[in-house]
Protein backbone atom coordinates (compact mmCIF):
# COMPACT_ATOMS: atom_id res chain seq x y z
CA MET A 1 0.00 0.00 0.00
CA ARG A 2 1.06 3.58 -0.61
CA ALA A 3 0.46 6.98 0.93
CA HIS A 4 -2.37 7.99 -1.39
CA GLN A 5 -4.34 4.88 -0.40
CA VAL A 6 -4.44 5.68 3.32
CA MET A 7 -4.02 9.47 3.55
CA THR A 8 -6.63 11.94 4.75
CA LYS A 9 -7.70 14.17 1.86
CA ASN A 10 -9.24 17.66 1.98
CA VAL A 11 -6.77 18.66 4.68
CA ILE A 12 -7.62 21.52 7.04
CA THR A 13 -4.80 24.08 6.94
CA VAL A 14 -3.81 27.40 8.50
CA THR A 15 -1.65 30.27 7.31
CA PRO A 16 1.46 31.81 8.87
CA THR A 17 -0.63 34.80 10.02
CA THR A 18 -3.33 32.72 11.71
CA PRO A 19 -3.47 33.59 15.44
CA ILE A 20 -2.09 30.68 17.44
CA LEU A 21 -5.20 30.72 19.66
CA ASP A 22 -7.32 30.05 16.57
CA ALA A 23 -4.95 27.25 15.54
CA ALA A 24 -5.10 25.73 19.04
CA ASN A 25 -8.90 25.82 19.08
CA LEU A 26 -9.03 24.27 15.61
CA ILE A 27 -6.73 21.43 16.71
CA LEU A 28 -8.90 20.79 19.77
CA ARG A 29 -12.23 21.07 17.96
CA ARG A 30 -11.23 18.74 15.11
CA HIS A 31 -9.21 16.37 17.35
CA PHE A 32 -6.13 16.87 15.18
CA SER A 33 -2.55 16.42 16.34
CA GLY A 34 -1.24 19.00 13.90
CA LEU A 35 -2.06 21.29 10.98
CA PRO A 36 -0.11 22.06 7.78
CA VAL A 37 0.71 25.71 7.21
CA LEU A 38 0.28 27.12 3.69
CA ASP A 39 1.37 30.58 2.51
CA GLU A 40 -0.66 32.88 0.27
CA THR A 41 0.47 30.96 -2.83
CA GLY A 42 -0.64 27.62 -1.42
CA ALA A 43 2.91 26.41 -0.81
CA LEU A 44 3.60 24.29 2.27
CA VAL A 45 5.83 26.33 4.57
CA GLY A 46 5.47 24.55 7.88
CA ILE A 47 3.40 22.49 10.28
CA ILE A 48 2.03 23.37 13.71
CA THR A 49 1.49 20.57 16.20
CA GLN A 50 0.38 20.06 19.78
CA SER A 51 4.06 20.00 20.80
CA ASP A 52 4.41 23.63 19.72
CA PHE A 53 2.12 24.66 22.59
CA LEU A 54 4.07 22.90 25.36
CA HIS A 55 6.28 25.84 26.39
CA ARG A 56 3.99 28.87 26.67
CA SER A 57 4.10 31.87 28.98
CA GLU A 58 0.30 31.83 29.36
CA ILE A 59 0.46 28.60 31.36
CA GLY A 60 3.86 29.14 32.94
CA THR A 61 5.66 26.32 31.12
CA GLN A 62 8.49 28.34 29.60
CA ARG A 63 11.84 26.60 29.37
CA LYS A 64 13.88 27.00 32.55
CA ARG A 65 17.52 27.21 31.51
CA SER A 66 20.51 27.55 33.80
CA GLN A 67 22.89 30.48 33.30
CA TRP A 68 25.49 28.10 31.90
CA LEU A 69 23.02 26.70 29.36
CA GLN A 70 21.89 30.21 28.46
CA PHE A 71 25.53 31.06 27.77
CA LEU A 72 25.91 28.02 25.52
CA ILE A 73 22.70 28.71 23.64
CA GLY A 74 23.54 32.36 23.15
CA PRO A 75 21.33 35.37 22.42
CA ARG A 76 20.04 33.91 19.17
CA GLY A 77 18.76 30.75 20.84
CA LEU A 78 17.26 32.65 23.75
CA ALA A 79 15.47 34.97 21.34
CA ALA A 80 14.04 31.95 19.53
CA ASP A 81 12.81 30.60 22.89
CA PHE A 82 11.12 33.93 23.62
CA VAL A 83 9.29 33.89 20.29
CA GLN A 84 8.23 30.27 20.79
CA GLU A 85 6.88 31.03 24.26
CA ARG A 86 5.18 34.37 23.54
CA GLY A 87 4.55 34.53 19.78
CA LEU A 88 0.98 35.28 18.71
CA LYS A 89 0.96 33.98 15.13
CA VAL A 90 1.39 30.49 13.70
CA ASP A 91 4.52 31.71 11.93
CA ASP A 92 6.12 32.31 15.35
CA VAL A 93 5.83 28.74 16.62
CA MET A 94 5.44 26.43 13.63
CA THR A 95 8.02 23.88 12.53
CA ARG A 96 9.53 25.01 9.25
CA ASN A 97 10.57 22.76 6.36
CA PRO A 98 8.53 19.77 7.58
CA VAL A 99 9.33 16.26 6.41
CA THR A 100 7.02 15.36 3.52
CA VAL A 101 6.26 12.35 1.32
CA GLN A 102 4.91 11.83 -2.17
CA GLU A 103 1.68 10.03 -3.07
CA ASP A 104 3.49 6.85 -4.10
CA THR A 105 5.56 6.55 -0.91
CA THR A 106 5.15 3.04 0.52
CA LEU A 107 3.82 2.46 4.02
CA ASP A 108 7.08 0.96 5.26
CA GLU A 109 8.88 4.12 4.08
CA LEU A 110 6.28 6.22 5.90
CA VAL A 111 6.86 4.34 9.14
CA ASP A 112 10.64 4.64 8.77
CA LEU A 113 10.36 8.41 8.32
CA MET A 114 8.00 8.80 11.30
CA GLU A 115 10.37 6.87 13.54
CA MET A 116 13.51 8.56 12.20
CA HIS A 117 12.17 12.10 12.70
CA GLY A 118 9.95 11.43 15.72
CA VAL A 119 6.80 12.77 14.05
CA HIS A 120 3.19 11.61 14.17
CA ARG A 121 2.07 12.88 10.78
CA LEU A 122 3.50 13.50 7.31
CA PRO A 123 2.13 15.87 4.64
CA VAL A 124 1.58 14.12 1.31
CA MET A 125 2.63 16.07 -1.77
CA ARG A 126 1.94 15.86 -5.48
CA GLY A 127 5.05 17.57 -6.62
CA LYS A 128 4.92 20.77 -4.56
CA VAL A 129 1.15 20.71 -3.97
CA LEU A 130 -0.30 19.42 -0.68
CA VAL A 131 -2.87 16.70 -1.43
CA GLY A 132 -3.24 14.94 1.92
CA ILE A 133 -1.73 13.99 5.24
CA VAL A 134 -0.86 10.62 6.74
CA SER A 135 -1.01 10.23 10.51
CA ARG A 136 -0.42 7.27 12.78
CA SER A 137 -4.20 6.97 13.00
CA ASN A 138 -4.33 6.46 9.23
CA LEU A 139 -1.79 3.66 9.54
CA LEU A 140 -3.81 2.07 12.35
CA ARG A 141 -6.94 2.13 10.18
CA ALA A 142 -4.96 0.60 7.30
CA PHE A 143 -3.81 -2.19 9.60
CA ALA A 144 -7.35 -2.83 10.85
CA SER A 145 -8.64 -2.97 7.27
CA ALA A 146 -5.88 -5.29 6.06
CA ALA A 147 -6.37 -7.57 9.05
CA ARG A 148 -9.98 -8.33 8.14
CA GLU A 149 -10.41 -11.86 6.87
CA ILE A 150 -10.59 -11.90 3.08
CA PRO A 151 -11.69 -15.13 1.38
CA ASP A 152 -8.86 -16.74 -0.58
CA PRO A 153 -10.00 -19.02 -3.42
CA THR A 154 -6.74 -20.98 -3.21
CA ALA A 155 -6.84 -21.44 0.57
CA ASP A 156 -7.38 -25.21 0.51
CA ASP A 157 -5.41 -27.42 2.88
CA ASP A 158 -2.64 -28.25 0.40
CA HIS A 159 -2.05 -24.59 -0.49
CA ILE A 160 -2.09 -23.60 3.19
CA ARG A 161 0.45 -26.29 4.04
CA ASP A 162 2.79 -25.29 1.19
CA ARG A 163 2.64 -21.60 2.13
CA ILE A 164 3.42 -22.26 5.79
CA ILE A 165 6.35 -24.52 4.94
CA ARG A 166 7.78 -21.99 2.45
CA THR A 167 7.44 -19.15 4.95
CA ILE A 168 8.96 -20.92 7.94
CA ASN A 169 11.70 -22.76 6.06
CA GLY A 170 12.82 -19.44 4.60
CA MET A 171 13.61 -18.11 8.08
CA SER A 172 16.84 -18.60 10.00
CA TRP A 173 14.84 -19.44 13.13
CA GLY A 174 12.76 -22.17 11.45
CA PRO A 175 12.27 -25.34 13.56
CA GLY A 176 14.30 -28.43 12.73
CA SER A 177 12.47 -31.38 11.12
CA LEU A 178 9.45 -29.16 10.45
CA GLN A 179 6.25 -30.98 9.58
CA VAL A 180 2.93 -29.30 8.87
CA VAL A 181 -0.42 -31.06 8.83
CA VAL A 182 -3.55 -29.17 7.76
CA ARG A 183 -7.12 -30.44 8.06
CA ASN A 184 -10.01 -28.14 7.11
CA GLY A 185 -7.90 -25.08 7.80
CA VAL A 186 -6.72 -26.33 11.21
CA VAL A 187 -2.91 -26.45 11.34
CA HIS A 188 -0.75 -28.82 13.39
CA LEU A 189 2.94 -27.90 13.66
CA TYR A 190 5.58 -30.53 14.42
CA GLY A 191 9.34 -30.10 14.74
CA VAL A 192 12.12 -29.21 17.13
CA VAL A 193 12.90 -25.74 18.48
CA VAL A 194 15.78 -24.62 20.66
CA GLU A 195 14.30 -21.23 21.59
CA ASP A 196 10.83 -20.23 22.75
CA GLU A 197 10.95 -17.26 20.38
CA ALA A 198 11.25 -19.65 17.42
CA ARG A 199 8.16 -21.51 18.64
CA GLN A 200 6.14 -18.31 18.88
CA ALA A 201 7.39 -17.06 15.51
CA SER A 202 6.38 -20.34 13.84
CA ILE A 203 2.89 -20.13 15.33
CA VAL A 204 2.52 -16.52 14.19
CA ALA A 205 3.70 -17.43 10.68
CA ALA A 206 1.03 -20.11 10.48
CA GLU A 207 -1.67 -17.82 11.91
CA ASN A 208 -0.86 -15.21 9.27
CA THR A 209 -1.39 -17.63 6.41
CA ALA A 210 -4.63 -17.09 4.47
CA GLY A 211 -7.27 -19.71 5.21
CA VAL A 212 -5.89 -20.81 8.58
CA LYS A 213 -8.59 -21.14 11.23
CA GLN A 214 -6.58 -22.47 14.14
CA VAL A 215 -3.00 -23.51 14.96
CA HIS A 216 -1.92 -26.32 17.28
CA ASP A 217 1.66 -26.50 18.54
CA HIS A 218 3.27 -29.95 18.83
CA MET A 219 6.88 -28.78 18.51
CA TYR A 220 9.40 -30.25 20.93
CA PHE A 221 11.82 -28.03 22.80
CA PHE A 222 15.40 -29.32 22.70
CA ASP A 223 17.64 -28.20 25.55
CA THR A 224 21.10 -27.86 23.97
CA PHE A 225 22.73 -27.78 27.42
CA THR A 226 21.25 -30.98 28.89
CA GLY A 227 20.36 -32.72 25.65
CA THR A 228 16.79 -33.36 26.82
CA ARG A 229 13.56 -32.88 24.91
CA GLU A 230 10.32 -31.46 26.23
CA GLU A 231 6.88 -31.64 24.69
CA SER A 232 5.11 -28.45 23.70
CA PRO A 233 3.15 -26.56 26.37
CA GLU A 234 -0.05 -27.41 24.52
CA ASP A 235 0.69 -31.14 24.47
CA LEU A 236 1.73 -31.09 28.13
CA LYS A 237 -1.55 -29.39 29.03
CA THR A 238 -3.57 -31.86 26.97
CA ALA A 239 -1.83 -34.75 28.69
CA GLY A 240 -2.41 -33.16 32.10
CA ARG A 241 1.31 -32.77 32.82
CA PRO A 242 2.86 -29.53 34.14
CA ASP A 243 4.69 -27.20 31.81
CA LYS A 244 8.28 -27.20 33.09
CA SER A 245 8.97 -23.83 31.54
CA LEU A 246 6.54 -22.10 33.94
């Protein structure tokens, strides 16, 4: 999926001369986390977010800097702090040159950019024109939509089995002597694991395969230190024996 498939269109924007009180009320009223800022030509010049209202003189949350830190920051930095804390227009507090993406940016690239820059939203551009915005909420909705069960015409037992085997065998953590049995969409996993994480990853891989209704774990745990084998927690529970890993 790409940005244009999940973005919010018809974005609400403000201008550099918008009073910050109006911008704050707009953010609260619309339940936004931020607003793009467009100049008189329609060009994106910044973004104003909830974080820009953290250090304000009206609520007594100005930055408290020691004399030594004030010396390091210098007059220029202190002046910038003053504007951020007391400015009355969006232009005074907005973040300039915001990180943007294009319509065809993939979702994994979007996530990488959000994490890299510590932002919660990214303006989506068509060239230099703002056409939408992608927020973490958009990504959550995309996940919820993709996670819905979609009928797969090839999701018969043989196809399910082949897909699970291909997926797990292609991983470095794949269980040894892997065997997969599928009956009416119910999967039974057999094999040997040496780490609990590999067991869980194998189960998740099976659960994520189209057509799978349920997964049963019969994989043995092999203790490389003692050389002993233990049945899976599920098989121990079925047999009424305690799980030694608990």
